[in-house]
Protein backbone atom coordinates (compact mmCIF):
# COMPACT_ATOMS: atom_id res chain seq x y z
CA MET A 1 114.36 106.10 112.78
CA MET A 2 114.27 103.49 115.44
CA ASP A 3 111.11 101.79 116.21
CA HIS A 4 110.47 99.51 119.60
CA GLY A 5 108.02 96.82 119.69
CA THR A 6 107.07 94.50 122.35
CA ASN A 7 107.69 90.73 123.00
CA GLU A 8 104.12 90.04 122.20
CA GLY A 9 104.00 91.35 118.77
CA ILE A 10 106.99 89.65 118.06
CA SER A 11 106.02 86.68 119.39
CA ALA A 12 102.96 86.99 117.15
CA TRP A 13 104.72 87.56 114.08
CA PHE A 14 106.66 84.19 114.30
CA GLY A 15 103.73 82.62 115.59
CA ASN A 16 101.56 83.35 112.66
CA ARG A 17 103.99 82.31 110.01
CA GLY A 18 104.35 78.63 112.26
CA TYR A 19 107.52 79.44 113.92
CA PRO A 20 106.11 79.92 117.54
CA ILE A 21 108.69 81.48 120.40
CA ASP A 22 109.41 79.00 123.21
CA ASP A 23 107.35 80.36 126.36
CA GLU A 24 110.98 80.16 128.04
CA SER A 25 112.90 82.34 125.89
CA LYS A 26 114.57 85.64 126.87
CA LEU A 27 114.23 87.88 124.05
CA THR A 28 117.12 90.56 123.26
CA TYR A 29 116.18 92.49 120.04
CA THR A 30 115.72 95.75 118.12
CA LEU A 31 113.56 97.22 115.28
CA VAL A 32 115.14 99.27 112.89
CA ASN A 33 112.98 101.17 109.74
CA LYS A 34 114.54 101.66 106.14
CA ASN A 35 113.36 102.75 102.96
CA ASP A 36 109.49 101.53 104.21
CA LYS A 37 111.02 98.13 105.46
CA SER A 38 110.84 97.35 109.06
CA TRP A 39 114.33 94.73 110.11
CA LEU A 40 114.32 93.27 113.31
CA PHE A 41 117.30 91.84 114.90
CA ILE A 42 116.77 89.09 117.34
CA LEU A 43 118.70 87.32 119.81
CA ASP A 44 116.83 84.20 121.52
CA ASP A 45 118.74 83.24 124.55
CA PHE A 46 116.70 79.98 124.83
CA HIS A 47 119.12 77.92 123.19
CA GLU A 48 119.13 74.32 122.28
CA TYR A 49 122.67 74.24 121.38
CA GLU A 50 125.54 76.13 122.42
CA SER A 51 126.08 77.45 118.84
CA ASP A 52 123.27 78.77 118.34
CA ASN A 53 124.50 81.85 120.08
CA ALA A 54 123.84 84.42 117.21
CA VAL A 55 121.47 87.51 116.37
CA GLU A 56 119.45 86.95 113.41
CA LEU A 57 117.88 89.16 110.98
CA TYR A 58 114.21 88.97 109.71
CA CYS A 59 112.14 91.06 107.24
CA LEU A 60 109.28 92.31 108.99
CA SER A 61 107.58 93.51 105.85
CA SER A 62 107.71 89.55 104.44
CA MET A 63 105.05 87.33 104.32
CA TYR A 64 107.88 84.87 104.91
CA CYS A 65 109.57 83.90 108.36
CA GLU A 66 113.00 83.60 106.67
CA VAL A 67 116.64 84.66 108.11
CA GLU A 68 118.25 86.97 105.63
CA THR A 69 121.22 86.35 107.82
CA ASP A 70 123.00 85.81 111.29
CA PHE A 71 125.78 87.73 113.16
CA ASP A 72 128.19 86.32 116.02
CA ALA A 73 126.26 87.95 119.23
CA THR A 74 129.68 88.09 121.60
CA ASP A 75 130.21 91.44 121.91
CA PHE A 76 127.39 92.60 118.85
CA ASP A 77 127.16 96.40 118.95
CA TRP A 78 123.25 97.19 119.04
CA SER A 79 123.75 100.96 118.35
CA GLU A 80 121.37 102.28 116.02
CA THR A 81 124.09 103.21 113.39
CA ASN A 82 125.62 99.63 113.32
CA LEU A 83 122.59 98.15 112.81
CA LEU A 84 121.55 100.33 109.87
CA SER A 85 124.97 99.29 108.40
CA LEU A 86 124.50 95.85 108.46
CA LEU A 87 121.16 95.89 106.30
CA PRO A 88 121.48 94.34 102.93
CA GLY A 89 121.35 96.66 100.14
CA GLU A 90 118.16 97.46 98.01
CA ASP A 91 117.98 95.51 95.02
CA ALA A 92 116.45 97.15 91.91
CA PRO A 93 112.72 97.02 91.89
CA SER A 94 111.09 93.59 90.61
CA PHE A 95 109.62 93.56 86.96
CA GLY A 96 106.90 91.16 88.87
CA TYR A 97 106.56 88.27 86.14
CA GLY A 98 108.17 85.11 85.05
CA LEU A 99 107.97 82.49 82.52
CA LEU A 100 106.85 79.38 84.14
CA ALA A 101 107.89 76.02 82.39
CA ILE A 102 104.43 73.91 82.49
CA GLY A 103 105.27 71.13 79.76
CA GLY A 104 107.81 69.76 77.47
CA ASP A 105 111.70 69.53 78.36
CA CYS A 106 112.04 71.80 81.33
CA GLY A 107 108.47 71.65 82.15
CA GLY A 108 109.02 67.81 84.27
CA ALA A 109 109.70 65.77 80.88
CA MET A 110 113.29 65.30 81.39
CA GLY A 111 113.15 65.18 85.43
CA ASN A 112 111.33 66.69 88.21
CA THR A 113 111.90 70.34 87.86
CA HIS A 114 110.44 73.03 86.32
CA ASP A 115 112.10 76.09 85.05
CA LEU A 116 110.80 79.44 86.24
CA ILE A 117 112.47 82.51 84.36
CA ILE A 118 112.22 85.39 86.40
CA LEU A 119 111.65 88.58 83.52
CA ASN A 120 113.28 91.90 84.33
CA GLY A 121 111.07 93.57 81.50
CA GLU A 122 113.67 93.63 78.77
CA HIS A 123 112.47 91.79 75.10
CA LEU A 124 108.72 91.98 76.05
CA ASP A 125 107.51 92.38 72.35
CA GLU A 126 109.71 88.94 71.34
CA ILE A 127 108.25 87.27 74.53
CA GLU A 128 104.70 88.00 73.64
CA ASP A 129 105.21 87.51 70.27
CA TYR A 130 106.54 83.97 71.15
CA LEU A 131 104.17 82.95 73.72
CA ARG A 132 101.46 83.85 70.68
CA TYR A 133 103.36 81.96 68.51
CA GLN A 134 103.23 78.92 70.78
CA LEU A 135 99.24 79.10 71.50
CA GLU A 136 98.58 79.01 67.93
CA TRP A 137 100.55 76.28 67.60
CA SER A 138 98.76 74.31 70.27
CA PHE A 139 95.39 75.01 68.33
CA LEU A 140 97.04 73.67 65.01
CA CYS A 141 97.78 70.41 66.89
CA ALA A 142 94.52 69.98 68.12
CA LYS A 143 92.89 70.43 64.71
CA ASN A 144 95.61 68.08 63.67
CA ASP A 145 95.90 70.61 60.42
CA GLN A 146 99.35 68.73 59.31
CA ASP A 147 99.62 71.15 55.96
CA ALA A 148 98.45 74.37 58.53
CA MET A 149 101.10 72.92 60.82
CA ASN A 150 104.02 72.72 58.60
CA LYS A 151 103.20 76.10 56.81
CA TYR A 152 103.45 77.89 60.44
CA PHE A 153 106.26 76.13 61.44
CA LYS A 154 108.44 76.83 58.66
CA GLU A 155 107.52 80.83 58.89
CA ASN A 156 107.83 80.71 62.96
CA SER A 157 110.94 78.15 63.30
CA GLY A 158 113.32 81.19 64.08
CA LYS A 159 111.22 82.65 67.43
CA GLY A 160 112.62 80.31 69.81
CA GLY A 161 116.41 80.69 68.56
CA LYS A 162 115.93 84.87 68.83
CA LEU A 163 114.77 84.16 72.71
CA ILE A 164 118.20 82.15 73.13
CA LYS A 165 120.29 85.11 71.46
CA LEU A 166 118.49 87.63 73.49
CA GLY A 167 119.36 85.71 76.70
CA VAL A 168 115.64 85.44 77.68
CA PHE A 169 116.11 81.47 77.28
CA GLY A 170 118.98 79.59 77.63
CA HIS A 171 119.14 76.89 75.03
CA LYS A 172 116.96 74.66 72.90
CA TYR A 173 115.45 72.47 75.55
CA HIS A 174 113.89 76.08 76.11
CA ILE A 175 112.47 75.98 72.96
CA ARG A 176 110.89 72.43 73.27
CA THR A 177 109.20 73.79 76.73
CA ASP A 178 105.71 75.17 77.03
CA TRP A 179 105.61 78.20 78.98
CA SER A 180 103.24 80.28 80.88
CA LEU A 181 103.43 84.26 81.62
CA ILE A 182 102.76 84.31 85.36
CA GLU A 183 102.97 87.27 88.11
CA LEU A 184 105.41 86.63 90.72
CA HIS A 185 105.36 87.48 94.53
CA GLU A 186 109.15 87.48 96.14
CA GLU A 187 110.27 85.90 93.11
CA LEU A 188 107.70 82.88 93.31
CA PRO A 189 104.50 82.32 91.71
CA LEU A 190 101.97 83.40 93.54
CA ASP A 191 99.80 80.75 93.42
CA PHE A 192 102.75 78.38 94.35
CA ASP A 193 102.56 74.45 94.96
CA VAL A 194 104.99 73.23 97.20
CA ARG A 195 105.34 70.04 95.73
CA GLN A 196 106.71 71.57 92.83
CA LYS A 197 110.32 71.78 92.56
CA LEU A 198 111.52 74.68 90.59
CA ASN A 199 114.92 75.55 88.81
CA VAL A 200 114.75 79.43 89.39
CA ILE A 201 116.90 81.34 86.61
CA LYS A 202 116.78 85.15 85.98
CA GLN A 203 116.63 86.56 82.95
CA GLY A 204 120.27 87.01 80.78
CA GLU A 205 121.92 84.72 83.53
CA HIS A 206 121.75 81.40 82.00
CA LYS A 207 124.32 79.25 82.39
CA ASP A 208 126.29 78.05 79.51
CA ASP A 209 125.48 74.26 79.27
């Protein structure tokens, strides 16, 4: 189904996201809807550079102003059939939670990045068990009870290795990292600090070190 907006509405969408459209721009655009999402194909004829002659694709359902992809504007086919065929395929629904490294080796100790493992909903019992183990270990460290710490570590030392075998963790450095379970929006923390550099990893897709 084809939907048509207005120049003012399109300009407002970009402007509200910090990318105002120049008043001298001559916009050619079409909106299409698919799977409850609105998509914008737009050509801005006011170019600073000749190489900017491209039709850009944006998802208007997103809170971010990010180009999904672009196409050569020369002889571009603006028909609805063609535009719908150019839309990206639908990914599986996101689980919506991840593990954010907040301390330790992958939480800033070995560099200026923090690992973010995007969870897929698998092995939640094992992840919960590990996070509870890590929290209890923190309390034992705070109490400085060496006997209790030694006993607890011996009883639970295999939990991190188990997450590596399951593909939740990627290596030993993840075991030496403090983790927090956080909610995600579009695969980023809801309260994302732009000063914090993230190394984003999807569960089960760790590269071999």
